[in-house]
Amino acid sequence: MTTYVITVPGTFTAGVDEAARQRLGRALRPADPHGTRMGSAEDLDVLAVNDDDTFALRLSVEADSNADAEREARRLADTAMRDAGIDADSVPLGPAVITGIDSEIA
């Protein structure tokens, strides 16, 4: 198994208040990349929101392949949105992108 840091971009098209953002951050906490060498070195936030309501989720996932990692990140993002009470239809997500790989292979 390899640890991946995956970035999932998106847009809050209907706007999301601060309370919903905090709920989303809490829902994503288990996938916080700070637990990886990359996340702590780069100080990656699990949720970064821009002034124009675009955002990036940076998630740490364990997977056997790049494709599995990207699918798992999308699943985590969708689940966290639902758990935070955010309507998935008002939050289009872009393609998941691998932004780091933390493997024990030297």
PDB file of N, CA and C in Angstrom:
ATOM      1  N   MET A   1       0.845  -1.182   0.000  1.00  0.00           N
ATOM      2  CA  MET A   1       0.000   0.000   0.000  1.00  0.00           C
ATOM      3  C   MET A   1       0.886   1.239   0.000  1.00  0.00           C
ATOM      4  N   THR A   2       0.429   2.219  -0.687  1.00  0.00           N
ATOM      5  CA  THR A   2       1.141   3.485  -0.798  1.00  0.00           C
ATOM      6  C   THR A   2       0.238   4.600  -0.293  1.00  0.00           C
ATOM      7  N   THR A   3       0.832   5.587   0.345  1.00  0.00           N
ATOM      8  CA  THR A   3       0.089   6.761   0.775  1.00  0.00           C
ATOM      9  C   THR A   3       0.185   7.819  -0.308  1.00  0.00           C
ATOM     10  N   TYR A   4      -0.963   8.308  -0.720  1.00  0.00           N
ATOM     11  CA  TYR A   4      -1.049   9.358  -1.737  1.00  0.00           C
ATOM     12  C   TYR A   4      -1.642  10.608  -1.115  1.00  0.00           C
ATOM     13  N   VAL A   5      -1.196  11.761  -1.566  1.00  0.00           N
ATOM     14  CA  VAL A   5      -1.891  13.007  -1.290  1.00  0.00           C
ATOM     15  C   VAL A   5      -2.565  13.393  -2.592  1.00  0.00           C
ATOM     16  N   ILE A   6      -3.886  13.524  -2.513  1.00  0.00           N
ATOM     17  CA  ILE A   6      -4.710  13.805  -3.682  1.00  0.00           C
ATOM     18  C   ILE A   6      -5.366  15.169  -3.488  1.00  0.00           C
ATOM     19  N   THR A   7      -5.348  15.985  -4.526  1.00  0.00           N
ATOM     20  CA  THR A   7      -6.051  17.264  -4.495  1.00  0.00           C
ATOM     21  C   THR A   7      -7.308  17.139  -5.338  1.00  0.00           C
ATOM     22  N   VAL A   8      -8.433  17.522  -4.731  1.00  0.00           N
ATOM     23  CA  VAL A   8      -9.721  17.528  -5.422  1.00  0.00           C
ATOM     24  C   VAL A   8     -10.218  18.975  -5.426  1.00  0.00           C
ATOM     25  N   PRO A   9     -10.251  19.620  -6.596  1.00  0.00           N
ATOM     26  CA  PRO A   9     -10.744  21.000  -6.660  1.00  0.00           C
ATOM     27  C   PRO A   9     -12.266  21.030  -6.780  1.00  0.00           C
ATOM     28  N   GLY A  10     -12.847  22.150  -6.437  1.00  0.00           N
ATOM     29  CA  GLY A  10     -14.287  22.306  -6.574  1.00  0.00           C
ATOM     30  C   GLY A  10     -14.704  23.745  -6.418  1.00  0.00           C
ATOM     31  N   THR A  11     -16.015  23.958  -6.516  1.00  0.00           N
ATOM     32  CA  THR A  11     -16.581  25.299  -6.367  1.00  0.00           C
ATOM     33  C   THR A  11     -17.876  25.203  -5.573  1.00  0.00           C
ATOM     34  N   PHE A  12     -17.991  26.070  -4.573  1.00  0.00           N
ATOM     35  CA  PHE A  12     -19.252  26.202  -3.842  1.00  0.00           C
ATOM     36  C   PHE A  12     -20.130  27.153  -4.659  1.00  0.00           C
ATOM     37  N   THR A  13     -20.943  26.624  -5.572  1.00  0.00           N
ATOM     38  CA  THR A  13     -21.718  27.475  -6.481  1.00  0.00           C
ATOM     39  C   THR A  13     -22.853  28.209  -5.771  1.00  0.00           C
ATOM     40  N   ALA A  14     -23.359  27.643  -4.691  1.00  0.00           N
ATOM     41  CA  ALA A  14     -24.441  28.288  -3.946  1.00  0.00           C
ATOM     42  C   ALA A  14     -23.910  29.013  -2.712  1.00  0.00           C
ATOM     43  N   GLY A  15     -22.593  29.078  -2.580  1.00  0.00           N
ATOM     44  CA  GLY A  15     -22.017  29.670  -1.369  1.00  0.00           C
ATOM     45  C   GLY A  15     -22.197  28.734  -0.189  1.00  0.00           C
ATOM     46  N   VAL A  16     -21.273  28.763   0.710  1.00  0.00           N
ATOM     47  CA  VAL A  16     -21.331  27.921   1.900  1.00  0.00           C
ATOM     48  C   VAL A  16     -20.871  28.763   3.081  1.00  0.00           C
ATOM     49  N   ASP A  17     -21.667  28.751   4.142  1.00  0.00           N
ATOM     50  CA  ASP A  17     -21.308  29.575   5.299  1.00  0.00           C
ATOM     51  C   ASP A  17     -20.157  28.960   6.086  1.00  0.00           C
ATOM     52  N   GLU A  18     -19.622  29.723   7.004  1.00  0.00           N
ATOM     53  CA  GLU A  18     -18.457  29.298   7.789  1.00  0.00           C
ATOM     54  C   GLU A  18     -18.750  28.041   8.608  1.00  0.00           C
ATOM     55  N   ALA A  19     -19.961  27.922   9.140  1.00  0.00           N
ATOM     56  CA  ALA A  19     -20.307  26.732   9.927  1.00  0.00           C
ATOM     57  C   ALA A  19     -20.232  25.476   9.067  1.00  0.00           C
ATOM     58  N   ALA A  20     -20.725  25.552   7.831  1.00  0.00           N
ATOM     59  CA  ALA A  20     -20.669  24.399   6.928  1.00  0.00           C
ATOM     60  C   ALA A  20     -19.225  24.072   6.565  1.00  0.00           C
ATOM     61  N   ARG A  21     -18.402  25.094   6.372  1.00  0.00           N
ATOM     62  CA  ARG A  21     -16.982  24.862   6.084  1.00  0.00           C
ATOM     63  C   ARG A  21     -16.300  24.161   7.255  1.00  0.00           C
ATOM     64  N   GLN A  22     -16.643  24.564   8.465  1.00  0.00           N
ATOM     65  CA  GLN A  22     -16.063  23.919   9.644  1.00  0.00           C
ATOM     66  C   GLN A  22     -16.515  22.464   9.745  1.00  0.00           C
ATOM     67  N   ARG A  23     -17.792  22.204   9.478  1.00  0.00           N
ATOM     68  CA  ARG A  23     -18.280  20.815   9.480  1.00  0.00           C
ATOM     69  C   ARG A  23     -17.556  19.991   8.432  1.00  0.00           C
ATOM     70  N   LEU A  24     -17.350  20.577   7.258  1.00  0.00           N
ATOM     71  CA  LEU A  24     -16.637  19.870   6.190  1.00  0.00           C
ATOM     72  C   LEU A  24     -15.202  19.576   6.627  1.00  0.00           C
ATOM     73  N   GLY A  25     -14.538  20.537   7.213  1.00  0.00           N
ATOM     74  CA  GLY A  25     -13.177  20.318   7.708  1.00  0.00           C
ATOM     75  C   GLY A  25     -13.112  19.192   8.729  1.00  0.00           C
ATOM     76  N   ARG A  26     -14.082  19.152   9.632  1.00  0.00           N
ATOM     77  CA  ARG A  26     -14.123  18.067  10.631  1.00  0.00           C
ATOM     78  C   ARG A  26     -14.377  16.718   9.966  1.00  0.00           C
ATOM     79  N   ALA A  27     -15.269  16.698   8.966  1.00  0.00           N
ATOM     80  CA  ALA A  27     -15.575  15.443   8.268  1.00  0.00           C
ATOM     81  C   ALA A  27     -14.359  14.923   7.505  1.00  0.00           C
ATOM     82  N   LEU A  28     -13.496  15.841   7.067  1.00  0.00           N
ATOM     83  CA  LEU A  28     -12.304  15.450   6.306  1.00  0.00           C
ATOM     84  C   LEU A  28     -11.098  15.144   7.199  1.00  0.00           C
ATOM     85  N   ARG A  29     -11.186  15.435   8.468  1.00  0.00           N
ATOM     86  CA  ARG A  29     -10.039  15.288   9.368  1.00  0.00           C
ATOM     87  C   ARG A  29      -9.343  13.928   9.293  1.00  0.00           C
ATOM     88  N   PRO A  30     -10.066  12.802   9.172  1.00  0.00           N
ATOM     89  CA  PRO A  30      -9.355  11.515   9.075  1.00  0.00           C
ATOM     90  C   PRO A  30      -8.435  11.405   7.851  1.00  0.00           C
ATOM     91  N   ALA A  31      -8.697  12.195   6.828  1.00  0.00           N
ATOM     92  CA  ALA A  31      -7.867  12.148   5.608  1.00  0.00           C
ATOM     93  C   ALA A  31      -6.895  13.328   5.538  1.00  0.00           C
ATOM     94  N   ASP A  32      -6.687  14.019   6.658  1.00  0.00           N
ATOM     95  CA  ASP A  32      -5.805  15.192   6.694  1.00  0.00           C
ATOM     96  C   ASP A  32      -4.388  14.805   6.284  1.00  0.00           C
ATOM     97  N   PRO A  33      -3.819  15.480   5.286  1.00  0.00           N
ATOM     98  CA  PRO A  33      -2.472  15.120   4.827  1.00  0.00           C
ATOM     99  C   PRO A  33      -1.359  15.490   5.797  1.00  0.00           C
ATOM    100  N   HIS A  34      -1.670  16.216   6.876  1.00  0.00           N
ATOM    101  CA  HIS A  34      -0.626  16.545   7.852  1.00  0.00           C
ATOM    102  C   HIS A  34      -0.013  15.299   8.486  1.00  0.00           C
ATOM    103  N   GLY A  35      -0.729  14.180   8.410  1.00  0.00           N
ATOM    104  CA  GLY A  35      -0.212  12.932   8.957  1.00  0.00           C
ATOM    105  C   GLY A  35       0.842  12.273   8.086  1.00  0.00           C
ATOM    106  N   THR A  36       1.103  12.827   6.913  1.00  0.00           N
ATOM    107  CA  THR A  36       2.124  12.276   6.021  1.00  0.00           C
ATOM    108  C   THR A  36       3.379  13.133   6.087  1.00  0.00           C
ATOM    109  N   ARG A  37       4.485  12.586   5.627  1.00  0.00           N
ATOM    110  CA  ARG A  37       5.722  13.384   5.561  1.00  0.00           C
ATOM    111  C   ARG A  37       5.535  14.582   4.638  1.00  0.00           C
ATOM    112  N   MET A  38       4.828  14.383   3.539  1.00  0.00           N
ATOM    113  CA  MET A  38       4.602  15.474   2.590  1.00  0.00           C
ATOM    114  C   MET A  38       3.733  16.554   3.195  1.00  0.00           C
ATOM    115  N   GLY A  39       2.655  16.143   3.849  1.00  0.00           N
ATOM    116  CA  GLY A  39       1.714  17.103   4.409  1.00  0.00           C
ATOM    117  C   GLY A  39       2.312  17.957   5.494  1.00  0.00           C
ATOM    118  N   SER A  40       3.129  17.357   6.340  1.00  0.00           N
ATOM    119  CA  SER A  40       3.743  18.148   7.402  1.00  0.00           C
ATOM    120  C   SER A  40       4.837  19.039   6.849  1.00  0.00           C
ATOM    121  N   ALA A  41       5.577  18.565   5.861  1.00  0.00           N
ATOM    122  CA  ALA A  41       6.650  19.374   5.271  1.00  0.00           C
ATOM    123  C   ALA A  41       6.089  20.546   4.477  1.00  0.00           C
ATOM    124  N   GLU A  42       4.986  20.327   3.781  1.00  0.00           N
ATOM    125  CA  GLU A  42       4.398  21.364   2.930  1.00  0.00           C
ATOM    126  C   GLU A  42       3.312  22.161   3.645  1.00  0.00           C
ATOM    127  N   ASP A  43       2.959  21.759   4.875  1.00  0.00           N
ATOM    128  CA  ASP A  43       1.890  22.389   5.644  1.00  0.00           C
ATOM    129  C   ASP A  43       0.595  22.456   4.835  1.00  0.00           C
ATOM    130  N   LEU A  44       0.179  21.299   4.313  1.00  0.00           N
ATOM    131  CA  LEU A  44      -1.014  21.208   3.482  1.00  0.00           C
ATOM    132  C   LEU A  44      -2.280  21.213   4.335  1.00  0.00           C
ATOM    133  N   ASP A  45      -3.185  22.111   4.032  1.00  0.00           N
ATOM    134  CA  ASP A  45      -4.476  22.147   4.700  1.00  0.00           C
ATOM    135  C   ASP A  45      -5.436  21.213   3.979  1.00  0.00           C
ATOM    136  N   VAL A  46      -6.273  20.533   4.745  1.00  0.00           N
ATOM    137  CA  VAL A  46      -7.222  19.607   4.156  1.00  0.00           C
ATOM    138  C   VAL A  46      -8.272  20.358   3.328  1.00  0.00           C
ATOM    139  N   LEU A  47      -8.589  21.601   3.700  1.00  0.00           N
ATOM    140  CA  LEU A  47      -9.556  22.411   2.966  1.00  0.00           C
ATOM    141  C   LEU A  47      -9.005  23.826   2.828  1.00  0.00           C
ATOM    142  N   ALA A  48      -8.862  24.277   1.597  1.00  0.00           N
ATOM    143  CA  ALA A  48      -8.433  25.644   1.317  1.00  0.00           C
ATOM    144  C   ALA A  48      -9.494  26.285   0.425  1.00  0.00           C
ATOM    145  N   VAL A  49     -10.111  27.363   0.922  1.00  0.00           N
ATOM    146  CA  VAL A  49     -11.177  28.043   0.180  1.00  0.00           C
ATOM    147  C   VAL A  49     -10.679  29.414  -0.255  1.00  0.00           C
ATOM    148  N   ASN A  50     -10.910  29.728  -1.526  1.00  0.00           N
ATOM    149  CA  ASN A  50     -10.532  31.025  -2.088  1.00  0.00           C
ATOM    150  C   ASN A  50     -11.694  32.014  -1.983  1.00  0.00           C
ATOM    151  N   ASP A  51     -11.402  33.296  -2.197  1.00  0.00           N
ATOM    152  CA  ASP A  51     -12.415  34.349  -2.110  1.00  0.00           C
ATOM    153  C   ASP A  51     -13.556  34.163  -3.104  1.00  0.00           C
ATOM    154  N   ASP A  52     -13.305  33.501  -4.212  1.00  0.00           N
ATOM    155  CA  ASP A  52     -14.340  33.303  -5.235  1.00  0.00           C
ATOM    156  C   ASP A  52     -15.126  32.001  -5.043  1.00  0.00           C
ATOM    157  N   ASP A  53     -15.014  31.394  -3.861  1.00  0.00           N
ATOM    158  CA  ASP A  53     -15.705  30.143  -3.494  1.00  0.00           C
ATOM    159  C   ASP A  53     -15.195  28.917  -4.221  1.00  0.00           C
ATOM    160  N   THR A  54     -14.060  29.021  -4.906  1.00  0.00           N
ATOM    161  CA  THR A  54     -13.397  27.803  -5.373  1.00  0.00           C
ATOM    162  C   THR A  54     -12.613  27.252  -4.195  1.00  0.00           C
ATOM    163  N   PHE A  55     -12.333  25.963  -4.228  1.00  0.00           N
ATOM    164  CA  PHE A  55     -11.627  25.363  -3.105  1.00  0.00           C
ATOM    165  C   PHE A  55     -10.792  24.186  -3.581  1.00  0.00           C
ATOM    166  N   ALA A  56      -9.917  23.744  -2.692  1.00  0.00           N
ATOM    167  CA  ALA A  56      -9.128  22.531  -2.924  1.00  0.00           C
ATOM    168  C   ALA A  56      -9.182  21.688  -1.664  1.00  0.00           C
ATOM    169  N   LEU A  57      -9.521  20.431  -1.841  1.00  0.00           N
ATOM    170  CA  LEU A  57      -9.433  19.449  -0.765  1.00  0.00           C
ATOM    171  C   LEU A  57      -8.128  18.706  -0.967  1.00  0.00           C
ATOM    172  N   ARG A  58      -7.321  18.610   0.061  1.00  0.00           N
ATOM    173  CA  ARG A  58      -6.085  17.838  -0.017  1.00  0.00           C
ATOM    174  C   ARG A  58      -6.229  16.680   0.955  1.00  0.00           C
ATOM    175  N   LEU A  59      -6.271  15.480   0.384  1.00  0.00           N
ATOM    176  CA  LEU A  59      -6.610  14.288   1.150  1.00  0.00           C
ATOM    177  C   LEU A  59      -5.491  13.261   1.095  1.00  0.00           C
ATOM    178  N   SER A  60      -5.268  12.629   2.204  1.00  0.00           N
ATOM    179  CA  SER A  60      -4.315  11.533   2.291  1.00  0.00           C
ATOM    180  C   SER A  60      -5.097  10.228   2.204  1.00  0.00           C
ATOM    181  N   VAL A  61      -4.722   9.367   1.255  1.00  0.00           N
ATOM    182  CA  VAL A  61      -5.393   8.083   1.099  1.00  0.00           C
ATOM    183  C   VAL A  61      -4.361   6.974   0.929  1.00  0.00           C
ATOM    184  N   GLU A  62      -4.721   5.799   1.363  1.00  0.00           N
ATOM    185  CA  GLU A  62      -3.908   4.597   1.162  1.00  0.00           C
ATOM    186  C   GLU A  62      -4.516   3.832   0.001  1.00  0.00           C
ATOM    187  N   ALA A  63      -3.689   3.452  -0.959  1.00  0.00           N
ATOM    188  CA  ALA A  63      -4.203   2.723  -2.117  1.00  0.00           C
ATOM    189  C   ALA A  63      -3.092   1.921  -2.767  1.00  0.00           C
ATOM    190  N   ASP A  64      -3.509   0.974  -3.603  1.00  0.00           N
ATOM    191  CA  ASP A  64      -2.560   0.132  -4.331  1.00  0.00           C
ATOM    192  C   ASP A  64      -2.127   0.734  -5.662  1.00  0.00           C
ATOM    193  N   SER A  65      -2.925   1.680  -6.184  1.00  0.00           N
ATOM    194  CA  SER A  65      -2.596   2.258  -7.491  1.00  0.00           C
ATOM    195  C   SER A  65      -3.056   3.705  -7.547  1.00  0.00           C
ATOM    196  N   ASN A  66      -2.558   4.426  -8.550  1.00  0.00           N
ATOM    197  CA  ASN A  66      -2.962   5.813  -8.749  1.00  0.00           C
ATOM    198  C   ASN A  66      -4.470   5.919  -8.946  1.00  0.00           C
ATOM    199  N   ALA A  67      -5.023   5.062  -9.791  1.00  0.00           N
ATOM    200  CA  ALA A  67      -6.456   5.104 -10.084  1.00  0.00           C
ATOM    201  C   ALA A  67      -7.284   4.833  -8.822  1.00  0.00           C
ATOM    202  N   ASP A  68      -6.858   3.850  -8.020  1.00  0.00           N
ATOM    203  CA  ASP A  68      -7.565   3.556  -6.772  1.00  0.00           C
ATOM    204  C   ASP A  68      -7.503   4.748  -5.818  1.00  0.00           C
ATOM    205  N   ALA A  69      -6.363   5.415  -5.769  1.00  0.00           N
ATOM    206  CA  ALA A  69      -6.190   6.572  -4.888  1.00  0.00           C
ATOM    207  C   ALA A  69      -7.122   7.707  -5.307  1.00  0.00           C
ATOM    208  N   GLU A  70      -7.210   7.961  -6.593  1.00  0.00           N
ATOM    209  CA  GLU A  70      -8.082   9.024  -7.091  1.00  0.00           C
ATOM    210  C   GLU A  70      -9.543   8.709  -6.813  1.00  0.00           C
ATOM    211  N   ARG A  71      -9.954   7.458  -7.012  1.00  0.00           N
ATOM    212  CA  ARG A  71     -11.333   7.054  -6.718  1.00  0.00           C
ATOM    213  C   ARG A  71     -11.641   7.193  -5.230  1.00  0.00           C
ATOM    214  N   GLU A  72     -10.706   6.776  -4.388  1.00  0.00           N
ATOM    215  CA  GLU A  72     -10.921   6.865  -2.949  1.00  0.00           C
ATOM    216  C   GLU A  72     -11.025   8.319  -2.498  1.00  0.00           C
ATOM    217  N   ALA A  73     -10.228   9.197  -3.066  1.00  0.00           N
ATOM    218  CA  ALA A  73     -10.295  10.618  -2.715  1.00  0.00           C
ATOM    219  C   ALA A  73     -11.654  11.198  -3.093  1.00  0.00           C
ATOM    220  N   ARG A  74     -12.157  10.857  -4.268  1.00  0.00           N
ATOM    221  CA  ARG A  74     -13.490  11.329  -4.681  1.00  0.00           C
ATOM    222  C   ARG A  74     -14.568  10.791  -3.742  1.00  0.00           C
ATOM    223  N   ARG A  75     -14.440   9.525  -3.365  1.00  0.00           N
ATOM    224  CA  ARG A  75     -15.421   8.945  -2.444  1.00  0.00           C
ATOM    225  C   ARG A  75     -15.387   9.672  -1.102  1.00  0.00           C
ATOM    226  N   LEU A  76     -14.175   9.925  -0.576  1.00  0.00           N
ATOM    227  CA  LEU A  76     -14.042  10.651   0.694  1.00  0.00           C
ATOM    228  C   LEU A  76     -14.624  12.051   0.604  1.00  0.00           C
ATOM    229  N   ALA A  77     -14.364  12.732  -0.509  1.00  0.00           N
ATOM    230  CA  ALA A  77     -14.884  14.091  -0.698  1.00  0.00           C
ATOM    231  C   ALA A  77     -16.411  14.084  -0.722  1.00  0.00           C
ATOM    232  N   ASP A  78     -16.999  13.165  -1.481  1.00  0.00           N
ATOM    233  CA  ASP A  78     -18.455  13.080  -1.573  1.00  0.00           C
ATOM    234  C   ASP A  78     -19.079  12.773  -0.213  1.00  0.00           C
ATOM    235  N   THR A  79     -18.491  11.830   0.516  1.00  0.00           N
ATOM    236  CA  THR A  79     -19.004  11.455   1.824  1.00  0.00           C
ATOM    237  C   THR A  79     -18.895  12.615   2.808  1.00  0.00           C
ATOM    238  N   ALA A  80     -17.767  13.321   2.800  1.00  0.00           N
ATOM    239  CA  ALA A  80     -17.568  14.443   3.715  1.00  0.00           C
ATOM    240  C   ALA A  80     -18.569  15.563   3.422  1.00  0.00           C
ATOM    241  N   MET A  81     -18.829  15.834   2.144  1.00  0.00           N
ATOM    242  CA  MET A  81     -19.815  16.864   1.784  1.00  0.00           C
ATOM    243  C   MET A  81     -21.186  16.483   2.344  1.00  0.00           C
ATOM    244  N   ARG A  82     -21.568  15.258   2.131  1.00  0.00           N
ATOM    245  CA  ARG A  82     -22.864  14.784   2.620  1.00  0.00           C
ATOM    246  C   ARG A  82     -22.917  14.866   4.145  1.00  0.00           C
ATOM    247  N   ASP A  83     -21.858  14.405   4.827  1.00  0.00           N
ATOM    248  CA  ASP A  83     -21.816  14.437   6.294  1.00  0.00           C
ATOM    249  C   ASP A  83     -21.863  15.865   6.836  1.00  0.00           C
ATOM    250  N   ALA A  84     -21.342  16.815   6.066  1.00  0.00           N
ATOM    251  CA  ALA A  84     -21.335  18.219   6.490  1.00  0.00           C
ATOM    252  C   ALA A  84     -22.656  18.920   6.155  1.00  0.00           C
ATOM    253  N   GLY A  85     -23.576  18.200   5.504  1.00  0.00           N
ATOM    254  CA  GLY A  85     -24.864  18.779   5.156  1.00  0.00           C
ATOM    255  C   GLY A  85     -24.808  19.702   3.950  1.00  0.00           C
ATOM    256  N   ILE A  86     -23.801  19.507   3.105  1.00  0.00           N
ATOM    257  CA  ILE A  86     -23.645  20.333   1.912  1.00  0.00           C
ATOM    258  C   ILE A  86     -24.221  19.574   0.724  1.00  0.00           C
ATOM    259  N   ASP A  87     -25.090  20.239  -0.024  1.00  0.00           N
ATOM    260  CA  ASP A  87     -25.736  19.631  -1.183  1.00  0.00           C
ATOM    261  C   ASP A  87     -24.713  19.396  -2.287  1.00  0.00           C
ATOM    262  N   ALA A  88     -24.476  18.151  -2.613  1.00  0.00           N
ATOM    263  CA  ALA A  88     -23.471  17.793  -3.618  1.00  0.00           C
ATOM    264  C   ALA A  88     -23.781  18.394  -4.984  1.00  0.00           C
ATOM    265  N   ASP A  89     -25.061  18.633  -5.281  1.00  0.00           N
ATOM    266  CA  ASP A  89     -25.433  19.215  -6.571  1.00  0.00           C
ATOM    267  C   ASP A  89     -24.966  20.669  -6.701  1.00  0.00           C
ATOM    268  N   SER A  90     -24.747  21.336  -5.561  1.00  0.00           N
ATOM    269  CA  SER A  90     -24.306  22.733  -5.606  1.00  0.00           C
ATOM    270  C   SER A  90     -22.795  22.861  -5.442  1.00  0.00           C
ATOM    271  N   VAL A  91     -22.100  21.719  -5.462  1.00  0.00           N
ATOM    272  CA  VAL A  91     -20.647  21.730  -5.284  1.00  0.00           C
ATOM    273  C   VAL A  91     -20.000  20.825  -6.334  1.00  0.00           C
ATOM    274  N   PRO A  92     -19.857  21.332  -7.554  1.00  0.00           N
ATOM    275  CA  PRO A  92     -19.189  20.506  -8.559  1.00  0.00           C
ATOM    276  C   PRO A  92     -17.715  20.315  -8.206  1.00  0.00           C
ATOM    277  N   LEU A  93     -17.261  19.082  -8.329  1.00  0.00           N
ATOM    278  CA  LEU A  93     -15.862  18.761  -8.064  1.00  0.00           C
ATOM    279  C   LEU A  93     -15.134  18.537  -9.373  1.00  0.00           C
ATOM    280  N   GLY A  94     -13.896  18.983  -9.427  1.00  0.00           N
ATOM    281  CA  GLY A  94     -13.059  18.741 -10.585  1.00  0.00           C
ATOM    282  C   GLY A  94     -12.382  17.389 -10.464  1.00  0.00           C
ATOM    283  N   PRO A  95     -11.535  17.062 -11.421  1.00  0.00           N
ATOM    284  CA  PRO A  95     -10.849  15.770 -11.381  1.00  0.00           C
ATOM    285  C   PRO A  95      -9.842  15.711 -10.236  1.00  0.00           C
ATOM    286  N   ALA A  96      -9.788  14.564  -9.592  1.00  0.00           N
ATOM    287  CA  ALA A  96      -8.815  14.331  -8.529  1.00  0.00           C
ATOM    288  C   ALA A  96      -7.422  14.203  -9.156  1.00  0.00           C
ATOM    289  N   VAL A  97      -6.440  14.833  -8.536  1.00  0.00           N
ATOM    290  CA  VAL A  97      -5.091  14.850  -9.061  1.00  0.00           C
ATOM    291  C   VAL A  97      -4.106  14.427  -7.975  1.00  0.00           C
ATOM    292  N   ILE A  98      -3.215  13.530  -8.304  1.00  0.00           N
ATOM    293  CA  ILE A  98      -2.182  13.118  -7.347  1.00  0.00           C
ATOM    294  C   ILE A  98      -1.176  14.251  -7.221  1.00  0.00           C
ATOM    295  N   THR A  99      -0.990  14.722  -6.004  1.00  0.00           N
ATOM    296  CA  THR A  99      -0.032  15.802  -5.768  1.00  0.00           C
ATOM    297  C   THR A  99       1.144  15.343  -4.909  1.00  0.00           C
ATOM    298  N   GLY A 100       1.113  14.097  -4.474  1.00  0.00           N
ATOM    299  CA  GLY A 100       2.228  13.553  -3.720  1.00  0.00           C
ATOM    300  C   GLY A 100       2.090  12.068  -3.500  1.00  0.00           C
ATOM    301  N   ILE A 101       3.217  11.382  -3.436  1.00  0.00           N
ATOM    302  CA  ILE A 101       3.241   9.946  -3.161  1.00  0.00           C
ATOM    303  C   ILE A 101       4.273   9.719  -2.080  1.00  0.00           C
ATOM    304  N   ASP A 102       3.867   9.024  -1.025  1.00  0.00           N
ATOM    305  CA  ASP A 102       4.734   8.741   0.100  1.00  0.00           C
ATOM    306  C   ASP A 102       4.846   7.217   0.217  1.00  0.00           C
ATOM    307  N   SER A 103       5.864   6.656  -0.375  1.00  0.00           N
ATOM    308  CA  SER A 103       6.028   5.218  -0.415  1.00  0.00           C
ATOM    309  C   SER A 103       7.222   4.799   0.413  1.00  0.00           C
ATOM    310  N   GLU A 104       7.156   3.629   0.965  1.00  0.00           N
ATOM    311  CA  GLU A 104       8.268   3.075   1.735  1.00  0.00           C
ATOM    312  C   GLU A 104       9.364   2.518   0.827  1.00  0.00           C
ATOM    313  N   ILE A 105       9.091   2.480  -0.467  1.00  0.00           N
ATOM    314  CA  ILE A 105      10.068   1.954  -1.432  1.00  0.00           C
ATOM    315  C   ILE A 105      11.145   3.013  -1.629  1.00  0.00           C
ATOM    316  N   ALA A 106      12.391   2.618  -1.493  1.00  0.00           N
ATOM    317  CA  ALA A 106      13.480   3.581  -1.645  1.00  0.00           C
ATOM    318  C   ALA A 106      14.114   3.466  -2.998  1.00  0.00           C
TER     319      ALA A 106
END
